[in-house]
């Protein structure tokens, strides 16, 4: 096992430290990290790592690659058509996500924007317990959908690029296995006539 000792060393707090801050957010005990502070840049000098958020760690003076801030929300799936529990094909913009943060999240704000016109078409606020939403009023087209976390006091948390996805809504017919079997039976019956 290898150990890294941050305490007592001059820690440069830039975006390269974001994975460490994200890892610290998953720890129950931060006792060993209380005395680790930023040495630079000057705006963060003396601040304990345990009190710094990923978004505070900029990449302005960094020579290496930029490390992205971990998103609050990650998409699981997004589709335009799916089969409901009654095995009926539905046309609606469906999306599912999961929470990727231990920070305060009280609800989610979902927006759908038409990519062609740039116009916001619809918005929904859903409770924290929701991990799925659908927009049945969306017609064919290409959309930009964002799922933002909202804190319990109503503040929309900073939106990261990966919390928005381009989605295509198309009415191209997708046949279910039962429908394919029925079409084959009908075709065979017609051939026999």
Protein backbone atom coordinates (compact mmCIF):
# COMPACT_ATOMS: atom_id res chain seq x y z
CA UNK A 1 0.00 0.00 0.00
CA UNK A 2 1.29 3.47 -0.85
CA UNK A 3 0.69 6.61 1.16
CA UNK A 4 0.68 10.20 0.01
CA UNK A 5 1.33 12.81 2.64
CA UNK A 6 -0.26 16.14 1.88
CA UNK A 7 0.00 17.64 5.37
CA UNK A 8 3.02 19.87 5.78
CA UNK A 9 3.68 20.02 2.03
CA UNK A 10 2.94 23.09 -0.11
CA UNK A 11 -0.26 22.11 -1.94
CA UNK A 12 -1.02 23.97 -5.16
CA UNK A 13 -4.82 24.02 -5.35
CA UNK A 14 -5.72 24.02 -9.03
CA UNK A 15 -7.95 21.81 -11.18
CA UNK A 16 -5.44 18.95 -10.93
CA UNK A 17 -6.61 18.53 -7.33
CA UNK A 18 -10.27 18.03 -8.33
CA UNK A 19 -10.10 14.20 -8.12
CA UNK A 20 -8.75 14.49 -4.55
CA UNK A 21 -11.57 16.88 -3.57
CA UNK A 22 -14.13 14.54 -5.19
CA UNK A 23 -12.63 11.61 -3.27
CA UNK A 24 -12.71 13.58 0.01
CA UNK A 25 -16.43 14.22 -0.57
CA UNK A 26 -16.99 10.44 -0.34
CA UNK A 27 -15.19 10.05 3.00
CA UNK A 28 -17.10 9.87 6.26
CA UNK A 29 -14.13 10.95 8.37
CA UNK A 30 -11.92 13.85 7.33
CA UNK A 31 -9.91 13.86 10.57
CA UNK A 32 -6.59 13.15 8.80
CA UNK A 33 -7.22 15.95 6.29
CA UNK A 34 -8.17 18.86 8.61
CA UNK A 35 -4.68 20.35 8.67
CA UNK A 36 -4.01 20.10 4.93
CA UNK A 37 -4.26 23.58 3.44
CA UNK A 38 -3.66 25.25 0.11
CA UNK A 39 -0.32 26.97 -0.30
CA UNK A 40 -1.26 28.56 -3.61
CA UNK A 41 -2.84 30.27 -5.50
CA UNK A 42 -3.10 33.27 -3.21
CA UNK A 43 -6.93 33.40 -3.32
CA UNK A 44 -7.04 29.92 -1.69
CA UNK A 45 -3.90 30.20 0.47
CA UNK A 46 -4.44 28.87 3.99
CA UNK A 47 -7.87 27.34 3.24
CA UNK A 48 -8.33 23.71 4.36
CA UNK A 49 -8.83 21.23 1.51
CA UNK A 50 -11.88 19.86 3.33
CA UNK A 51 -13.71 23.18 2.86
CA UNK A 52 -12.90 23.70 -0.83
CA UNK A 53 -15.33 22.77 -3.60
CA UNK A 54 -14.18 21.36 -6.95
CA UNK A 55 -15.55 24.40 -8.76
CA UNK A 56 -13.15 26.69 -6.84
CA UNK A 57 -10.15 24.90 -8.34
CA UNK A 58 -9.37 26.75 -11.55
CA UNK A 59 -7.03 25.78 -14.40
CA UNK A 60 -5.95 29.29 -15.39
CA UNK A 61 -2.23 28.89 -14.71
CA UNK A 62 -1.99 25.14 -15.27
CA UNK A 63 0.37 23.75 -17.89
CA UNK A 64 -1.02 20.19 -17.83
CA UNK A 65 -4.44 18.94 -18.95
CA UNK A 66 -7.59 20.43 -17.45
CA UNK A 67 -9.45 18.17 -15.05
CA UNK A 68 -13.25 18.56 -15.24
CA UNK A 69 -15.47 19.19 -12.22
CA UNK A 70 -17.47 16.10 -11.29
CA UNK A 71 -21.10 16.54 -12.39
CA UNK A 72 -23.92 16.39 -9.83
CA UNK A 73 -26.05 14.29 -12.17
CA UNK A 74 -25.18 11.61 -14.76
CA UNK A 75 -27.53 10.31 -17.46
CA UNK A 76 -28.46 6.62 -17.37
CA UNK A 77 -30.48 6.61 -20.58
CA UNK A 78 -32.50 8.79 -22.90
CA UNK A 79 -34.92 7.63 -25.55
CA UNK A 80 -37.81 8.97 -27.56
CA UNK A 81 -39.94 5.88 -27.74
CA UNK A 82 -40.28 3.01 -25.35
CA UNK A 83 -42.71 0.31 -24.36
CA UNK A 84 -44.76 0.92 -21.23
CA UNK A 85 -45.85 -1.76 -18.73
CA UNK A 86 -48.90 -2.56 -20.87
CA UNK A 87 -46.49 -3.27 -23.80
CA UNK A 88 -47.82 -0.24 -25.71
CA UNK A 89 -45.31 1.82 -27.66
CA UNK A 90 -45.24 5.40 -26.34
CA UNK A 91 -43.80 8.46 -28.07
CA UNK A 92 -42.30 10.85 -25.55
CA UNK A 93 -38.87 12.11 -24.63
CA UNK A 94 -37.76 9.82 -21.76
CA UNK A 95 -34.70 10.30 -19.61
CA UNK A 96 -33.22 8.63 -16.53
CA UNK A 97 -30.30 9.80 -14.38
CA UNK A 98 -28.49 9.17 -11.12
CA UNK A 99 -26.96 11.47 -8.51
CA UNK A 100 -23.17 11.72 -8.51
CA UNK A 101 -22.60 13.97 -5.48
CA UNK A 102 -22.85 13.92 -1.71
CA UNK A 103 -23.68 17.64 -1.67
CA UNK A 104 -27.12 19.00 -0.85
CA UNK A 105 -29.64 18.15 -3.59
CA UNK A 106 -33.34 18.75 -2.93
CA UNK A 107 -34.76 18.46 -6.45
CA UNK A 108 -33.88 18.55 -10.15
CA UNK A 109 -34.59 21.12 -12.85
CA UNK A 110 -34.91 19.65 -16.35
CA UNK A 111 -34.94 21.85 -19.44
CA UNK A 112 -35.51 20.91 -23.07
CA UNK A 113 -34.21 23.26 -25.75
CA UNK A 114 -34.69 22.97 -29.52
CA UNK A 115 -31.20 22.82 -31.03
CA UNK A 116 -32.31 24.27 -34.38
CA UNK A 117 -34.07 27.35 -32.98
CA UNK A 118 -32.26 27.65 -29.64
CA UNK A 119 -35.66 28.12 -28.00
CA UNK A 120 -36.37 26.57 -24.59
CA UNK A 121 -39.46 24.43 -25.14
CA UNK A 122 -40.26 23.16 -21.70
CA UNK A 123 -38.98 22.93 -18.15
CA UNK A 124 -39.89 20.67 -15.25
CA UNK A 125 -38.90 20.57 -11.60
CA UNK A 126 -39.00 17.10 -10.08
CA UNK A 127 -38.39 15.98 -6.47
CA UNK A 128 -35.14 14.45 -5.24
CA UNK A 129 -36.69 10.98 -5.19
CA UNK A 130 -37.32 11.10 -8.96
CA UNK A 131 -34.71 9.52 -11.23
CA UNK A 132 -36.84 9.44 -14.37
CA UNK A 133 -38.94 11.96 -16.29
CA UNK A 134 -40.72 12.12 -19.62
CA UNK A 135 -41.99 14.91 -21.86
CA UNK A 136 -44.91 13.55 -23.93
CA UNK A 137 -45.51 16.89 -25.69
CA UNK A 138 -42.16 16.81 -27.51
CA UNK A 139 -42.47 16.24 -31.27
CA UNK A 140 -39.86 15.09 -33.79
CA UNK A 141 -36.61 17.04 -33.76
CA UNK A 142 -33.22 17.36 -32.14
CA UNK A 143 -33.10 18.68 -28.59
CA UNK A 144 -30.62 19.65 -25.92
CA UNK A 145 -31.73 18.32 -22.53
CA UNK A 146 -30.14 19.41 -19.23
CA UNK A 147 -30.72 17.97 -15.77
CA UNK A 148 -29.52 20.35 -13.05
CA UNK A 149 -29.40 19.65 -9.34
CA UNK A 150 -31.24 22.13 -7.11
CA UNK A 151 -30.23 22.51 -3.46
CA UNK A 152 -32.83 22.15 -0.72
CA UNK A 153 -32.91 25.96 -0.33
CA UNK A 154 -33.82 26.38 -4.03
CA UNK A 155 -30.45 27.33 -5.54
CA UNK A 156 -29.68 25.73 -8.91
CA UNK A 157 -26.22 24.15 -8.59
CA UNK A 158 -23.62 24.87 -11.30
CA UNK A 159 -24.35 22.87 -14.43
CA UNK A 160 -21.50 20.80 -15.86
CA UNK A 161 -21.24 20.01 -19.58
CA UNK A 162 -21.98 16.29 -19.07
CA UNK A 163 -25.30 17.14 -17.39
CA UNK A 164 -26.64 18.14 -20.81
CA UNK A 165 -27.19 15.73 -23.70
CA UNK A 166 -28.24 16.08 -27.31
CA UNK A 167 -31.29 13.90 -27.93
CA UNK A 168 -33.00 13.04 -31.17
CA UNK A 169 -36.76 12.57 -31.20
CA UNK A 170 -37.81 10.56 -34.23
CA UNK A 171 -41.09 8.87 -35.04
CA UNK A 172 -39.33 6.08 -36.91
CA UNK A 173 -41.33 2.99 -36.05
CA UNK A 174 -39.65 0.45 -33.83
CA UNK A 175 -41.47 -2.86 -33.91
CA UNK A 176 -41.76 -5.01 -30.85
CA UNK A 177 -41.03 -8.76 -31.15
CA UNK A 178 -44.77 -9.55 -30.90
CA UNK A 179 -45.53 -7.09 -33.72
CA UNK A 180 -42.80 -8.62 -35.92
CA UNK A 181 -44.21 -12.11 -35.30
CA UNK A 182 -47.74 -10.94 -36.20
CA UNK A 183 -46.50 -9.33 -39.43
CA UNK A 184 -44.70 -12.55 -40.39
CA UNK A 185 -47.84 -14.61 -39.73
CA UNK A 186 -49.99 -12.23 -41.79
CA UNK A 187 -47.44 -12.31 -44.65
CA UNK A 188 -47.40 -16.11 -44.64
CA UNK A 189 -51.17 -16.24 -44.60
CA UNK A 190 -51.36 -13.86 -47.57
CA UNK A 191 -48.86 -15.97 -49.51
CA UNK A 192 -50.99 -19.08 -48.96
CA UNK A 193 -54.06 -17.38 -50.40
